[in-house]
């Protein structure tokens, strides 16, 4: 952990904070996707299958109730989850306790500063809730906003269980600064949208291939199955083919 910063609050605390934004929907016939299992999973960055276990203690303590409801954007009724009055009080107590915790924020322009979680939300150029800010916080108390956009935040929150996509991006370094090259990005995006399922970005070292690749992948995050592979001079075709095979198997193509 970085000196002077706090660790990220636990999953259950983040669920309390997430649901606290929707206490006025308890009696509504149709409720936001955010109150479904998948919506909760997206908000706190866990697998949907882990949500029942994460909220079980909240239900037992009388802090949360569950009911079937029409969920916006979903064709049939789903389980939805709501804080009770006592649960809302717990959420308020959690926010009062952690809002002044120290964190280090990396802004979109690469600037880094030490601040509180509450101040980080106020100073961010993006419209982020407390649970959004915590979702992008790592275990060392660093919140890296440099690669985020409002579109990516929305995609993170709107993933549906019916659209489980596979992304193999382990070889992709984190890019913190990117300027221009919109024309190249638009050309690549149009190719991938209309003609090709793959694209090769060749060139000598240091000309920005990785940064360009990162940005084009951002445009297709949560829209397609994604594979990124970095070809090295000293590698043969085997490493690439093995990566492709592993990805295709995860997607469901095992032929």
C-alpha atoms as a PDB file:
ATOM      1  CA  UNK A   1       0.000   0.000   0.000  1.00  0.00           C
ATOM      2  CA  UNK A   2       1.271   3.475  -0.832  1.00  0.00           C
ATOM      3  CA  UNK A   3       2.246   5.483   2.233  1.00  0.00           C
ATOM      4  CA  UNK A   4      -0.686   7.552   3.490  1.00  0.00           C
ATOM      5  CA  UNK A   5      -3.345   5.839   1.353  1.00  0.00           C
ATOM      6  CA  UNK A   6      -6.178   3.508   2.373  1.00  0.00           C
ATOM      7  CA  UNK A   7      -7.057   0.059   1.122  1.00  0.00           C
ATOM      8  CA  UNK A   8     -10.213  -0.467  -0.918  1.00  0.00           C
ATOM      9  CA  UNK A   9     -13.378  -1.129   1.125  1.00  0.00           C
ATOM     10  CA  UNK A  10     -14.712  -4.676   1.050  1.00  0.00           C
ATOM     11  CA  UNK A  11     -17.288  -6.036  -1.385  1.00  0.00           C
ATOM     12  CA  UNK A  12     -20.186  -5.881   1.084  1.00  0.00           C
ATOM     13  CA  UNK A  13     -19.424  -2.270   1.991  1.00  0.00           C
ATOM     14  CA  UNK A  14     -19.402  -1.367  -1.694  1.00  0.00           C
ATOM     15  CA  UNK A  15     -22.733  -3.136  -2.223  1.00  0.00           C
ATOM     16  CA  UNK A  16     -24.231  -1.059   0.601  1.00  0.00           C
ATOM     17  CA  UNK A  17     -22.987   2.116  -1.084  1.00  0.00           C
ATOM     18  CA  UNK A  18     -24.236   1.025  -4.506  1.00  0.00           C
ATOM     19  CA  UNK A  19     -27.743   0.171  -3.315  1.00  0.00           C
ATOM     20  CA  UNK A  20     -27.968   3.353  -1.234  1.00  0.00           C
ATOM     21  CA  UNK A  21     -28.404   5.322  -4.464  1.00  0.00           C
ATOM     22  CA  UNK A  22     -31.644   3.442  -5.207  1.00  0.00           C
ATOM     23  CA  UNK A  23     -33.576   3.466  -1.921  1.00  0.00           C
ATOM     24  CA  UNK A  24     -36.475   5.310  -3.585  1.00  0.00           C
ATOM     25  CA  UNK A  25     -37.104   2.358  -5.933  1.00  0.00           C
ATOM     26  CA  UNK A  26     -38.169  -0.112  -3.240  1.00  0.00           C
ATOM     27  CA  UNK A  27     -41.864  -0.031  -4.170  1.00  0.00           C
ATOM     28  CA  UNK A  28     -41.501   0.579  -7.914  1.00  0.00           C
ATOM     29  CA  UNK A  29     -42.980  -1.896 -10.421  1.00  0.00           C
ATOM     30  CA  UNK A  30     -40.038  -1.458 -12.808  1.00  0.00           C
ATOM     31  CA  UNK A  31     -36.583  -0.988 -11.358  1.00  0.00           C
ATOM     32  CA  UNK A  32     -33.171  -0.100 -12.816  1.00  0.00           C
ATOM     33  CA  UNK A  33     -30.833  -2.816 -14.070  1.00  0.00           C
ATOM     34  CA  UNK A  34     -28.451  -1.685 -11.313  1.00  0.00           C
ATOM     35  CA  UNK A  35     -30.644  -3.464  -8.727  1.00  0.00           C
ATOM     36  CA  UNK A  36     -30.379  -6.883 -10.402  1.00  0.00           C
ATOM     37  CA  UNK A  37     -27.676  -9.416  -9.558  1.00  0.00           C
ATOM     38  CA  UNK A  38     -25.751  -8.501 -12.689  1.00  0.00           C
ATOM     39  CA  UNK A  39     -26.143  -4.796 -12.012  1.00  0.00           C
ATOM     40  CA  UNK A  40     -24.729  -5.238  -8.514  1.00  0.00           C
ATOM     41  CA  UNK A  41     -21.909  -7.400  -9.860  1.00  0.00           C
ATOM     42  CA  UNK A  42     -20.998  -4.734 -12.421  1.00  0.00           C
ATOM     43  CA  UNK A  43     -21.065  -1.943  -9.846  1.00  0.00           C
ATOM     44  CA  UNK A  44     -18.698  -3.627  -7.389  1.00  0.00           C
ATOM     45  CA  UNK A  45     -16.653  -5.581  -9.948  1.00  0.00           C
ATOM     46  CA  UNK A  46     -17.357  -9.173  -8.938  1.00  0.00           C
ATOM     47  CA  UNK A  47     -18.772 -12.168 -10.820  1.00  0.00           C
ATOM     48  CA  UNK A  48     -22.567 -12.381 -10.875  1.00  0.00           C
ATOM     49  CA  UNK A  49     -22.365 -15.855  -9.338  1.00  0.00           C
ATOM     50  CA  UNK A  50     -20.714 -14.345  -6.247  1.00  0.00           C
ATOM     51  CA  UNK A  51     -23.503 -11.861  -5.525  1.00  0.00           C
ATOM     52  CA  UNK A  52     -25.806 -14.216  -3.520  1.00  0.00           C
ATOM     53  CA  UNK A  53     -22.976 -15.101  -1.165  1.00  0.00           C
ATOM     54  CA  UNK A  54     -21.900 -11.462  -0.838  1.00  0.00           C
ATOM     55  CA  UNK A  55     -25.379 -10.276   0.180  1.00  0.00           C
ATOM     56  CA  UNK A  56     -26.416 -13.235   2.356  1.00  0.00           C
ATOM     57  CA  UNK A  57     -25.181 -11.590   5.562  1.00  0.00           C
ATOM     58  CA  UNK A  58     -26.983  -8.369   4.663  1.00  0.00           C
ATOM     59  CA  UNK A  59     -30.267 -10.274   4.262  1.00  0.00           C
ATOM     60  CA  UNK A  60     -29.814 -12.153   7.532  1.00  0.00           C
ATOM     61  CA  UNK A  61     -29.141  -8.893   9.383  1.00  0.00           C
ATOM     62  CA  UNK A  62     -32.302  -7.302   7.983  1.00  0.00           C
ATOM     63  CA  UNK A  63     -30.376  -4.742   5.954  1.00  0.00           C
ATOM     64  CA  UNK A  64     -31.555  -5.943   2.545  1.00  0.00           C
ATOM     65  CA  UNK A  65     -34.709  -7.385   0.977  1.00  0.00           C
ATOM     66  CA  UNK A  66     -35.159  -9.326  -2.242  1.00  0.00           C
ATOM     67  CA  UNK A  67     -38.165  -9.462  -4.575  1.00  0.00           C
ATOM     68  CA  UNK A  68     -39.073 -10.270  -8.164  1.00  0.00           C
ATOM     69  CA  UNK A  69     -39.407  -7.166 -10.325  1.00  0.00           C
ATOM     70  CA  UNK A  70     -39.450  -5.971 -13.905  1.00  0.00           C
ATOM     71  CA  UNK A  71     -35.881  -4.890 -14.621  1.00  0.00           C
ATOM     72  CA  UNK A  72     -35.237  -2.209 -17.232  1.00  0.00           C
ATOM     73  CA  UNK A  73     -33.648  -3.695 -20.338  1.00  0.00           C
ATOM     74  CA  UNK A  74     -34.392  -7.318 -19.389  1.00  0.00           C
ATOM     75  CA  UNK A  75     -37.205  -9.286 -21.008  1.00  0.00           C
ATOM     76  CA  UNK A  76     -38.488 -11.183 -17.964  1.00  0.00           C
ATOM     77  CA  UNK A  77     -38.785 -10.588 -14.231  1.00  0.00           C
ATOM     78  CA  UNK A  78     -35.609 -10.891 -12.196  1.00  0.00           C
ATOM     79  CA  UNK A  79     -34.631 -10.804  -8.556  1.00  0.00           C
ATOM     80  CA  UNK A  80     -33.987  -7.256  -7.425  1.00  0.00           C
ATOM     81  CA  UNK A  81     -32.407  -6.102  -4.176  1.00  0.00           C
ATOM     82  CA  UNK A  82     -33.193  -3.126  -1.954  1.00  0.00           C
ATOM     83  CA  UNK A  83     -31.812  -1.708   1.269  1.00  0.00           C
ATOM     84  CA  UNK A  84     -34.156  -1.552   4.246  1.00  0.00           C
ATOM     85  CA  UNK A  85     -34.268   1.588   6.391  1.00  0.00           C
ATOM     86  CA  UNK A  86     -31.666   0.006   8.660  1.00  0.00           C
ATOM     87  CA  UNK A  87     -29.567  -0.924   5.658  1.00  0.00           C
ATOM     88  CA  UNK A  88     -29.673   2.660   4.403  1.00  0.00           C
ATOM     89  CA  UNK A  89     -28.409   3.834   7.796  1.00  0.00           C
ATOM     90  CA  UNK A  90     -25.527   1.366   7.586  1.00  0.00           C
ATOM     91  CA  UNK A  91     -24.687   2.662   4.096  1.00  0.00           C
ATOM     92  CA  UNK A  92     -24.623   6.241   5.411  1.00  0.00           C
ATOM     93  CA  UNK A  93     -22.315   5.182   8.243  1.00  0.00           C
ATOM     94  CA  UNK A  94     -19.986   3.438   5.785  1.00  0.00           C
ATOM     95  CA  UNK A  95     -19.759   6.525   3.575  1.00  0.00           C
ATOM     96  CA  UNK A  96     -19.188   8.821   6.560  1.00  0.00           C
ATOM     97  CA  UNK A  97     -16.324   6.584   7.618  1.00  0.00           C
ATOM     98  CA  UNK A  98     -14.564   6.087   4.293  1.00  0.00           C
ATOM     99  CA  UNK A  99     -15.263   9.365   2.471  1.00  0.00           C
ATOM    100  CA  UNK A 100     -12.282  11.033   4.146  1.00  0.00           C
ATOM    101  CA  UNK A 101      -9.920   8.113   3.510  1.00  0.00           C
ATOM    102  CA  UNK A 102      -6.756   9.152   1.702  1.00  0.00           C
ATOM    103  CA  UNK A 103      -6.175   7.903  -1.840  1.00  0.00           C
ATOM    104  CA  UNK A 104      -3.857   8.714  -4.722  1.00  0.00           C
ATOM    105  CA  UNK A 105      -5.651   9.694  -7.919  1.00  0.00           C
ATOM    106  CA  UNK A 106      -4.149   9.606 -11.418  1.00  0.00           C
ATOM    107  CA  UNK A 107      -6.126  12.014 -13.602  1.00  0.00           C
ATOM    108  CA  UNK A 108      -6.815  11.813 -17.332  1.00  0.00           C
ATOM    109  CA  UNK A 109      -3.905  14.156 -18.085  1.00  0.00           C
ATOM    110  CA  UNK A 110      -1.485  11.965 -16.119  1.00  0.00           C
ATOM    111  CA  UNK A 111      -1.375  14.214 -13.047  1.00  0.00           C
ATOM    112  CA  UNK A 112      -1.175  12.394  -9.737  1.00  0.00           C
ATOM    113  CA  UNK A 113      -2.358  13.790  -6.416  1.00  0.00           C
ATOM    114  CA  UNK A 114      -3.090  12.652  -2.882  1.00  0.00           C
ATOM    115  CA  UNK A 115      -6.620  13.486  -1.775  1.00  0.00           C
ATOM    116  CA  UNK A 116      -9.687  12.044  -0.056  1.00  0.00           C
ATOM    117  CA  UNK A 117     -12.238   9.825  -1.774  1.00  0.00           C
ATOM    118  CA  UNK A 118     -14.906  12.520  -1.428  1.00  0.00           C
ATOM    119  CA  UNK A 119     -12.632  15.182  -2.922  1.00  0.00           C
ATOM    120  CA  UNK A 120     -11.608  12.824  -5.733  1.00  0.00           C
ATOM    121  CA  UNK A 121     -15.258  12.479  -6.759  1.00  0.00           C
ATOM    122  CA  UNK A 122     -15.775  16.251  -6.737  1.00  0.00           C
ATOM    123  CA  UNK A 123     -12.631  16.988  -8.753  1.00  0.00           C
ATOM    124  CA  UNK A 124     -13.083  14.242 -11.370  1.00  0.00           C
ATOM    125  CA  UNK A 125     -13.952  15.333 -14.901  1.00  0.00           C
ATOM    126  CA  UNK A 126     -16.142  12.220 -15.142  1.00  0.00           C
ATOM    127  CA  UNK A 127     -19.516  11.910 -13.431  1.00  0.00           C
ATOM    128  CA  UNK A 128     -18.690   9.163 -10.936  1.00  0.00           C
ATOM    129  CA  UNK A 129     -20.593   7.876  -7.914  1.00  0.00           C
ATOM    130  CA  UNK A 130     -18.766   6.808  -4.786  1.00  0.00           C
ATOM    131  CA  UNK A 131     -19.056   3.138  -5.759  1.00  0.00           C
ATOM    132  CA  UNK A 132     -17.722   3.934  -9.249  1.00  0.00           C
ATOM    133  CA  UNK A 133     -14.652   5.613  -7.793  1.00  0.00           C
ATOM    134  CA  UNK A 134     -14.058   2.618  -5.516  1.00  0.00           C
ATOM    135  CA  UNK A 135     -14.439   0.202  -8.434  1.00  0.00           C
ATOM    136  CA  UNK A 136     -11.410   1.764 -10.103  1.00  0.00           C
ATOM    137  CA  UNK A 137      -9.377   1.791  -6.875  1.00  0.00           C
ATOM    138  CA  UNK A 138      -6.704  -0.869  -6.471  1.00  0.00           C
ATOM    139  CA  UNK A 139      -5.635  -2.586  -3.258  1.00  0.00           C
ATOM    140  CA  UNK A 140      -2.842  -0.055  -2.708  1.00  0.00           C
ATOM    141  CA  UNK A 141      -5.215   2.911  -2.578  1.00  0.00           C
ATOM    142  CA  UNK A 142      -4.519   4.198  -6.093  1.00  0.00           C
ATOM    143  CA  UNK A 143      -7.415   5.284  -8.335  1.00  0.00           C
ATOM    144  CA  UNK A 144      -6.270   5.396 -11.949  1.00  0.00           C
ATOM    145  CA  UNK A 145      -8.702   7.437 -14.052  1.00  0.00           C
ATOM    146  CA  UNK A 146      -6.242   8.063 -16.869  1.00  0.00           C
ATOM    147  CA  UNK A 147      -7.661   5.490 -19.273  1.00  0.00           C
ATOM    148  CA  UNK A 148     -11.335   6.055 -18.494  1.00  0.00           C
ATOM    149  CA  UNK A 149     -14.085   7.759 -20.448  1.00  0.00           C
ATOM    150  CA  UNK A 150     -17.786   8.174 -19.738  1.00  0.00           C
ATOM    151  CA  UNK A 151     -18.468   5.532 -22.407  1.00  0.00           C
ATOM    152  CA  UNK A 152     -16.245   2.956 -20.702  1.00  0.00           C
ATOM    153  CA  UNK A 153     -17.813   3.655 -17.311  1.00  0.00           C
ATOM    154  CA  UNK A 154     -21.267   3.128 -18.812  1.00  0.00           C
ATOM    155  CA  UNK A 155     -20.165  -0.119 -20.483  1.00  0.00           C
ATOM    156  CA  UNK A 156     -18.792  -1.399 -17.181  1.00  0.00           C
ATOM    157  CA  UNK A 157     -22.156  -0.783 -15.531  1.00  0.00           C
ATOM    158  CA  UNK A 158     -24.423  -2.071 -18.306  1.00  0.00           C
ATOM    159  CA  UNK A 159     -22.954  -5.509 -19.051  1.00  0.00           C
ATOM    160  CA  UNK A 160     -25.739  -8.105 -19.195  1.00  0.00           C
ATOM    161  CA  UNK A 161     -25.340 -11.714 -18.156  1.00  0.00           C
ATOM    162  CA  UNK A 162     -26.845 -12.712 -21.517  1.00  0.00           C
ATOM    163  CA  UNK A 163     -23.852 -11.102 -23.203  1.00  0.00           C
ATOM    164  CA  UNK A 164     -20.870 -12.712 -21.503  1.00  0.00           C
ATOM    165  CA  UNK A 165     -17.886 -11.884 -23.667  1.00  0.00           C
ATOM    166  CA  UNK A 166     -14.345 -13.222 -23.495  1.00  0.00           C
ATOM    167  CA  UNK A 167     -11.397 -10.828 -23.430  1.00  0.00           C
ATOM    168  CA  UNK A 168      -7.781 -12.011 -23.457  1.00  0.00           C
ATOM    169  CA  UNK A 169      -5.829  -8.795 -22.955  1.00  0.00           C
ATOM    170  CA  UNK A 170      -3.186 -10.001 -20.495  1.00  0.00           C
ATOM    171  CA  UNK A 171      -0.376  -8.944 -22.808  1.00  0.00           C
ATOM    172  CA  UNK A 172      -1.708  -5.381 -23.111  1.00  0.00           C
ATOM    173  CA  UNK A 173       0.212  -2.754 -21.100  1.00  0.00           C
ATOM    174  CA  UNK A 174      -1.717   0.079 -19.426  1.00  0.00           C
ATOM    175  CA  UNK A 175      -1.507   3.278 -21.488  1.00  0.00           C
ATOM    176  CA  UNK A 176      -1.917   6.480 -19.515  1.00  0.00           C
ATOM    177  CA  UNK A 177      -1.594   9.161 -22.171  1.00  0.00           C
ATOM    178  CA  UNK A 178      -2.874   9.282 -25.707  1.00  0.00           C
ATOM    179  CA  UNK A 179      -3.127  12.226 -28.056  1.00  0.00           C
ATOM    180  CA  UNK A 180      -4.712  12.576 -31.498  1.00  0.00           C
ATOM    181  CA  UNK A 181      -4.668   9.830 -34.142  1.00  0.00           C
ATOM    182  CA  UNK A 182      -8.455   9.968 -34.374  1.00  0.00           C
ATOM    183  CA  UNK A 183      -8.337   9.423 -38.140  1.00  0.00           C
ATOM    184  CA  UNK A 184      -6.353   6.192 -37.766  1.00  0.00           C
ATOM    185  CA  UNK A 185      -8.689   5.012 -35.004  1.00  0.00           C
ATOM    186  CA  UNK A 186     -11.773   5.724 -37.108  1.00  0.00           C
ATOM    187  CA  UNK A 187     -10.333   3.833 -40.088  1.00  0.00           C
ATOM    188  CA  UNK A 188      -9.472   0.812 -37.928  1.00  0.00           C
ATOM    189  CA  UNK A 189     -12.887   0.861 -36.241  1.00  0.00           C
ATOM    190  CA  UNK A 190     -14.691   0.970 -39.590  1.00  0.00           C
ATOM    191  CA  UNK A 191     -12.659  -1.998 -40.837  1.00  0.00           C
ATOM    192  CA  UNK A 192     -13.512  -4.020 -37.755  1.00  0.00           C
ATOM    193  CA  UNK A 193     -17.174  -3.001 -37.884  1.00  0.00           C
ATOM    194  CA  UNK A 194     -17.782  -3.842 -41.528  1.00  0.00           C
ATOM    195  CA  UNK A 195     -15.178  -6.177 -42.979  1.00  0.00           C
ATOM    196  CA  UNK A 196     -12.635  -7.765 -40.682  1.00  0.00           C
ATOM    197  CA  UNK A 197     -12.656  -9.620 -37.386  1.00  0.00           C
ATOM    198  CA  UNK A 198      -8.939  -9.030 -36.852  1.00  0.00           C
ATOM    199  CA  UNK A 199      -6.372  -6.349 -37.501  1.00  0.00           C
ATOM    200  CA  UNK A 200      -2.558  -6.278 -37.569  1.00  0.00           C
ATOM    201  CA  UNK A 201      -0.712  -3.167 -36.367  1.00  0.00           C
ATOM    202  CA  UNK A 202       2.880  -3.446 -37.694  1.00  0.00           C
ATOM    203  CA  UNK A 203       5.807  -1.071 -37.262  1.00  0.00           C
ATOM    204  CA  UNK A 204       9.124  -0.444 -35.564  1.00  0.00           C
ATOM    205  CA  UNK A 205       9.399  -0.088 -31.793  1.00  0.00           C
ATOM    206  CA  UNK A 206       8.366   3.196 -30.217  1.00  0.00           C
ATOM    207  CA  UNK A 207       5.911   4.563 -32.779  1.00  0.00           C
ATOM    208  CA  UNK A 208       2.794   4.020 -30.642  1.00  0.00           C
ATOM    209  CA  UNK A 209       1.444   0.665 -31.824  1.00  0.00           C
ATOM    210  CA  UNK A 210       0.496  -0.412 -28.314  1.00  0.00           C
ATOM    211  CA  UNK A 211      -1.239   2.882 -27.491  1.00  0.00           C
ATOM    212  CA  UNK A 212      -3.195   2.735 -30.737  1.00  0.00           C
ATOM    213  CA  UNK A 213      -4.165  -0.879 -30.081  1.00  0.00           C
ATOM    214  CA  UNK A 214      -5.319  -0.005 -26.562  1.00  0.00           C
ATOM    215  CA  UNK A 215      -7.580   2.738 -27.846  1.00  0.00           C
ATOM    216  CA  UNK A 216      -9.154   0.627 -30.565  1.00  0.00           C
ATOM    217  CA  UNK A 217      -9.798  -2.144 -28.026  1.00  0.00           C
ATOM    218  CA  UNK A 218     -11.505   0.425 -25.775  1.00  0.00           C
ATOM    219  CA  UNK A 219     -14.019   1.065 -28.544  1.00  0.00           C
ATOM    220  CA  UNK A 220     -15.006  -2.610 -28.678  1.00  0.00           C
ATOM    221  CA  UNK A 221     -14.904  -3.441 -24.958  1.00  0.00           C
ATOM    222  CA  UNK A 222     -18.140  -5.242 -23.909  1.00  0.00           C
ATOM    223  CA  UNK A 223     -19.218  -5.333 -27.548  1.00  0.00           C
ATOM    224  CA  UNK A 224     -17.091  -8.205 -28.867  1.00  0.00           C
ATOM    225  CA  UNK A 225     -14.922 -11.079 -27.765  1.00  0.00           C
ATOM    226  CA  UNK A 226     -11.407  -9.616 -27.745  1.00  0.00           C
ATOM    227  CA  UNK A 227      -7.912 -11.046 -28.146  1.00  0.00           C
ATOM    228  CA  UNK A 228      -4.757  -8.958 -28.048  1.00  0.00           C
ATOM    229  CA  UNK A 229      -1.410 -10.581 -28.779  1.00  0.00           C
ATOM    230  CA  UNK A 230       1.931  -8.836 -28.908  1.00  0.00           C
ATOM    231  CA  UNK A 231       4.229 -10.388 -31.505  1.00  0.00           C
ATOM    232  CA  UNK A 232       7.911 -10.379 -30.519  1.00  0.00           C
ATOM    233  CA  UNK A 233      10.914 -10.733 -32.833  1.00  0.00           C
ATOM    234  CA  UNK A 234      12.212 -13.746 -30.949  1.00  0.00           C
ATOM    235  CA  UNK A 235       8.912 -15.649 -30.992  1.00  0.00           C
ATOM    236  CA  UNK A 236       7.777 -18.026 -33.666  1.00  0.00           C
ATOM    237  CA  UNK A 237       4.194 -18.629 -34.696  1.00  0.00           C
ATOM    238  CA  UNK A 238       3.572 -21.110 -31.880  1.00  0.00           C
ATOM    239  CA  UNK A 239       3.021 -18.487 -29.158  1.00  0.00           C
ATOM    240  CA  UNK A 240       0.466 -16.673 -31.306  1.00  0.00           C
ATOM    241  CA  UNK A 241      -1.351 -19.870 -32.294  1.00  0.00           C
ATOM    242  CA  UNK A 242      -1.468 -21.068 -28.683  1.00  0.00           C
ATOM    243  CA  UNK A 243      -2.955 -17.732 -27.583  1.00  0.00           C
ATOM    244  CA  UNK A 244      -5.546 -17.961 -30.365  1.00  0.00           C
ATOM    245  CA  UNK A 245      -6.409 -21.546 -29.455  1.00  0.00           C
ATOM    246  CA  UNK A 246      -6.877 -20.721 -25.772  1.00  0.00           C
ATOM    247  CA  UNK A 247      -9.064 -17.722 -26.622  1.00  0.00           C
ATOM    248  CA  UNK A 248     -11.168 -19.655 -29.148  1.00  0.00           C
ATOM    249  CA  UNK A 249     -11.694 -22.420 -26.609  1.00  0.00           C
ATOM    250  CA  UNK A 250     -12.910 -19.865 -24.044  1.00  0.00           C
ATOM    251  CA  UNK A 251     -15.262 -18.382 -26.646  1.00  0.00           C
ATOM    252  CA  UNK A 252     -16.657 -21.864 -27.301  1.00  0.00           C
ATOM    253  CA  UNK A 253     -14.970 -22.876 -30.548  1.00  0.00           C
ATOM    254  CA  UNK A 254     -13.263 -26.157 -29.705  1.00  0.00           C
ATOM    255  CA  UNK A 255     -13.007 -27.683 -33.185  1.00  0.00           C
END
